[in-house]
Protein backbone atom coordinates (compact mmCIF):
# COMPACT_ATOMS: atom_id res chain seq x y z
CA MET A 1 -229.32 -165.06 83.03
CA SER A 2 -232.79 -163.98 82.46
CA LYS A 3 -235.46 -166.43 84.20
CA PHE A 4 -237.17 -167.24 80.67
CA HIS A 5 -233.69 -168.42 79.31
CA ARG A 6 -233.16 -170.93 82.58
CA LEU A 7 -232.96 -174.53 81.44
CA THR A 8 -233.79 -177.54 83.38
CA LEU A 9 -232.25 -180.79 81.77
CA ALA A 10 -232.91 -184.09 83.43
CA GLY A 11 -230.98 -187.08 82.40
CA LEU A 12 -233.91 -189.74 83.28
CA PHE A 13 -232.23 -192.48 81.49
CA GLY A 14 -232.88 -196.17 82.21
CA LEU A 15 -230.34 -198.33 80.69
CA GLY A 16 -231.50 -201.35 79.22
CA ILE A 17 -229.32 -203.64 76.96
CA SER A 18 -230.25 -206.54 74.84
CA ALA A 19 -228.66 -208.51 71.91
CA THR A 20 -230.43 -210.60 68.83
CA ALA A 21 -229.29 -212.63 66.13
CA GLN A 22 -230.62 -210.20 63.58
CA ALA A 23 -229.24 -206.87 65.04
CA GLY A 24 -226.24 -205.77 67.17
CA THR A 25 -226.54 -204.85 70.74
CA LEU A 26 -229.64 -202.51 71.59
CA VAL A 27 -229.95 -200.06 74.25
CA ASN A 28 -233.03 -198.17 75.76
CA LEU A 29 -232.60 -194.79 77.15
CA SER A 30 -234.56 -191.47 77.75
CA ALA A 31 -233.84 -187.85 78.36
CA GLU A 32 -235.89 -184.62 79.73
CA ALA A 33 -235.75 -181.10 79.18
CA SER A 34 -237.72 -178.24 80.56
CA ARG A 35 -238.31 -174.51 79.58
CA PRO A 36 -240.19 -171.81 81.56
CA ALA A 37 -243.06 -170.31 79.93
CA PRO A 38 -244.99 -167.27 81.11
CA ASN A 39 -248.43 -167.79 82.64
CA ASP A 40 -249.74 -164.78 80.22
CA GLU A 41 -253.05 -165.39 79.72
CA ILE A 42 -255.69 -164.39 82.58
CA HIS A 43 -259.21 -165.89 82.81
CA ALA A 44 -261.70 -164.39 85.13
CA MET A 45 -265.33 -164.85 86.07
CA VAL A 46 -267.75 -162.42 87.67
CA TYR A 47 -271.37 -162.79 88.59
CA THR A 48 -274.51 -161.11 89.49
CA GLU A 49 -276.77 -162.43 91.62
CA ALA A 50 -280.31 -161.65 92.93
CA THR A 51 -283.22 -163.07 95.36
CA GLY A 52 -286.58 -162.10 95.32
CA ASN A 53 -290.25 -164.01 94.97
CA ASN A 54 -291.00 -163.11 91.40
CA PRO A 55 -288.87 -165.18 89.05
CA ALA A 56 -289.80 -162.82 85.99
CA GLU A 57 -288.89 -159.84 87.85
CA LEU A 58 -285.77 -161.40 89.28
CA ALA A 59 -284.70 -162.56 85.61
CA LYS A 60 -285.37 -159.02 84.33
CA ARG A 61 -282.86 -157.49 87.14
CA VAL A 62 -280.08 -160.10 86.77
CA ASN A 63 -280.31 -160.07 82.71
CA GLN A 64 -279.92 -156.12 82.76
CA ALA A 65 -277.00 -156.17 85.10
CA LEU A 66 -275.41 -158.75 83.05
CA ALA A 67 -276.02 -157.02 79.73
CA ASP A 68 -274.61 -153.71 81.30
CA ALA A 69 -271.62 -155.40 82.28
CA LEU A 70 -270.92 -157.33 79.20
CA LYS A 71 -271.27 -153.87 77.46
CA VAL A 72 -268.55 -152.23 79.72
CA ALA A 73 -266.21 -155.39 79.26
CA ARG A 74 -266.46 -155.58 75.52
CA GLY A 75 -265.74 -151.67 75.48
CA GLN A 76 -262.13 -152.19 76.58
CA PRO A 77 -259.69 -153.18 74.05
CA GLY A 78 -257.57 -156.36 74.64
CA ILE A 79 -260.22 -157.95 76.71
CA SER A 80 -262.31 -160.81 75.46
CA ALA A 81 -265.86 -161.10 77.22
CA LYS A 82 -268.85 -163.62 77.00
CA THR A 83 -271.71 -164.90 79.29
CA GLY A 84 -271.23 -168.01 81.10
CA SER A 85 -273.69 -170.19 82.93
CA GLN A 86 -277.16 -169.10 84.49
CA SER A 87 -278.82 -170.67 87.18
CA THR A 88 -282.18 -170.13 89.05
CA TYR A 89 -283.38 -172.27 92.10
CA PRO A 90 -286.00 -172.00 94.87
CA LEU A 91 -285.34 -171.02 98.57
CA TYR A 92 -287.64 -173.42 100.83
CA GLY A 93 -288.65 -172.17 104.04
CA GLN A 94 -289.17 -174.34 107.19
CA ASN A 95 -292.40 -175.93 105.96
CA GLN A 96 -290.40 -176.90 102.77
CA ARG A 97 -292.63 -174.42 100.85
CA ILE A 98 -290.80 -172.01 98.22
CA GLU A 99 -290.14 -168.60 99.98
CA ASN A 100 -287.88 -166.93 97.45
CA TRP A 101 -285.93 -167.53 94.37
CA ARG A 102 -282.27 -166.95 93.57
CA MET A 103 -280.99 -166.38 90.33
CA ARG A 104 -277.27 -166.11 89.19
CA ALA A 105 -275.73 -165.17 86.09
CA GLU A 106 -271.88 -165.17 85.06
CA LEU A 107 -269.71 -163.48 82.70
CA GLN A 108 -266.33 -164.81 81.51
CA LEU A 109 -263.38 -162.66 81.06
CA GLU A 110 -259.94 -163.44 79.14
CA SER A 111 -257.33 -161.27 78.57
CA ARG A 112 -253.23 -161.16 77.86
CA ASP A 113 -253.09 -157.67 79.53
CA SER A 114 -253.12 -158.16 83.21
CA ALA A 115 -253.30 -154.25 84.04
CA ALA A 116 -256.24 -153.82 81.68
CA LEU A 117 -258.23 -156.85 83.35
CA SER A 118 -257.31 -155.77 86.99
CA GLU A 119 -259.09 -152.33 86.33
CA MET A 120 -261.83 -154.10 84.51
CA LEU A 121 -262.68 -156.16 87.40
CA GLY A 122 -262.46 -153.26 89.68
CA ARG A 123 -264.91 -151.49 87.45
CA LEU A 124 -267.25 -154.27 87.16
CA GLN A 125 -267.15 -154.49 91.11
CA GLN A 126 -268.38 -151.02 91.04
CA MET A 127 -271.49 -152.12 89.19
CA LYS A 128 -272.14 -154.69 92.09
CA LEU A 129 -270.90 -157.76 90.10
CA ALA A 130 -268.78 -160.05 92.48
CA VAL A 131 -265.56 -161.75 91.17
CA GLY A 132 -265.98 -165.48 91.35
CA HIS A 133 -262.35 -166.55 90.58
CA VAL A 134 -259.50 -165.23 88.60
CA SER A 135 -256.86 -167.85 87.00
CA GLN A 136 -253.86 -167.78 84.89
CA GLN A 137 -252.43 -169.93 82.29
CA VAL A 138 -249.96 -170.15 79.60
CA SER A 139 -251.39 -169.13 76.13
CA THR A 140 -251.17 -171.51 73.01
CA GLU A 141 -248.48 -169.29 71.59
CA SER A 142 -246.13 -169.02 74.51
CA ARG A 143 -246.67 -172.88 75.25
CA ARG A 144 -245.78 -173.89 71.61
CA GLN A 145 -242.45 -171.68 71.80
CA ALA A 146 -241.38 -173.32 75.10
CA GLU A 147 -242.46 -176.71 73.76
CA ASP A 148 -240.17 -175.97 70.67
CA GLY A 149 -237.34 -175.11 72.77
CA ALA A 150 -237.51 -178.03 75.20
CA THR A 151 -237.77 -180.26 72.35
CA GLN A 152 -234.59 -179.25 70.84
CA ASP A 153 -232.78 -179.41 74.41
CA ALA A 154 -234.18 -182.78 75.03
CA ILE A 155 -232.88 -184.23 71.80
CA ARG A 156 -229.50 -182.68 72.13
CA ALA A 157 -229.60 -184.35 75.72
CA PHE A 158 -230.40 -187.59 74.25
CA GLU A 159 -227.62 -187.57 71.53
CA ALA A 160 -225.05 -186.67 74.34
CA ARG A 161 -226.34 -189.56 76.55
CA ALA A 162 -226.12 -191.89 73.63
CA LYS A 163 -222.57 -190.84 72.84
CA VAL A 164 -221.66 -191.28 76.62
CA ILE A 165 -222.87 -194.73 76.58
CA ALA A 166 -221.57 -195.61 73.31
CA GLY A 167 -218.12 -194.30 74.63
CA VAL A 168 -218.20 -196.35 77.65
CA PHE A 169 -218.33 -199.45 75.41
CA GLY A 170 -216.19 -198.19 72.63
CA LYS A 171 -218.81 -198.57 70.03
CA SER A 172 -220.59 -196.44 67.29
CA TYR A 173 -224.17 -196.36 67.21
CA ARG A 174 -227.27 -195.32 65.19
CA ILE A 175 -230.51 -194.48 66.70
CA LYS A 176 -232.91 -197.13 65.99
CA GLN A 177 -236.13 -195.49 67.40
CA ILE A 178 -237.18 -192.42 69.25
CA SER A 179 -240.41 -191.09 70.76
CA VAL A 180 -241.18 -187.46 71.76
CA GLN A 181 -243.70 -186.60 74.50
CA GLN A 182 -244.86 -183.29 75.70
CA ASN A 183 -245.75 -183.38 79.34
CA GLY A 184 -248.36 -180.54 79.24
CA GLY A 185 -247.84 -178.01 82.20
CA PRO A 186 -250.11 -177.50 85.25
CA PRO A 187 -253.83 -176.56 84.96
CA PRO A 188 -254.78 -173.09 85.17
CA MET A 189 -253.43 -171.82 88.32
CA PRO A 190 -256.13 -170.06 90.67
CA MET A 191 -255.44 -166.60 92.07
CA LEU A 192 -258.20 -165.62 93.70
CA ARG A 193 -261.58 -166.94 94.97
CA ALA A 194 -264.88 -165.35 95.25
CA ARG A 195 -265.00 -162.01 97.32
CA GLY A 196 -267.34 -161.00 99.73
CA ALA A 197 -269.74 -158.01 99.63
CA ALA A 198 -267.70 -155.96 102.04
CA MET A 199 -264.56 -156.28 99.70
CA MET A 200 -266.59 -155.93 96.61
CA ALA A 201 -267.61 -152.56 97.87
CA GLU A 202 -264.21 -151.23 97.93
CA ALA A 203 -263.95 -151.96 94.16
CA ALA A 204 -260.15 -151.57 93.89
CA PRO A 205 -258.24 -153.55 90.80
CA VAL A 206 -257.82 -156.94 91.53
CA PRO A 207 -253.95 -157.65 91.86
CA ILE A 208 -252.68 -160.18 89.37
CA GLU A 209 -249.30 -161.42 89.25
CA ALA A 210 -248.50 -163.86 86.25
CA GLY A 211 -245.63 -165.87 87.29
CA GLU A 212 -244.74 -168.74 85.11
CA SER A 213 -244.86 -172.71 84.19
CA LEU A 214 -242.45 -175.05 83.29
CA VAL A 215 -242.95 -176.81 80.10
CA THR A 216 -241.50 -180.29 79.59
CA THR A 217 -240.42 -182.66 76.77
CA SER A 218 -239.49 -186.22 77.43
CA ILE A 219 -237.54 -188.26 74.83
CA SER A 220 -237.40 -191.84 74.88
CA GLY A 221 -235.82 -194.20 72.26
CA GLN A 222 -233.17 -197.00 71.46
CA ILE A 223 -229.97 -197.05 69.97
CA GLU A 224 -228.20 -199.86 68.43
CA PHE A 225 -224.25 -200.54 68.81
CA ALA A 226 -222.38 -201.21 65.70
CA ASP A 227 -221.06 -204.67 66.65
């Protein structure tokens, strides 16, 4: 069985039974199902940083490096690139006077092609940009597909649980109320933090292994026995 067709079903049910004069016996129960979804969307941040005593010259250098990197990244099909945050701050000496300035500018990359993004990160390192971080997450399309499958499985599990409970009491039943909740998945998974200057000089493609995340649907509801 393929790993993308593995199914995790959890019968998380709390059995609560009550009866009123207006209705038959009521039973609260719940069920849960999970489907794996590929972490098929990769996000990366690279940055350029420089230090100097002339803020205007510093900005010119950093902005030019960022513009060159942006041009290269946008020239690669399958990769989305946009500028990120920029910051400039003073560096103080022992006498608390400003001795230098440091400026940093970031470039945000996104792709569903891990090989292309890995190669691009290597090229940008050759241009003296550093890799800030790389993370992976489930794309919107893949998450929706996994959620749909998990929802169907959870509903079937809920119905099966209801039949078991009603069968124990020798009753027929109807679903009186039902609630569906998507449990989201984990936040983006960090794969790599900042690389030092020595590693940056290697300019090798950054290894990216996608992996997968579990997408879960929980069903809770109430059935009524036909008394």
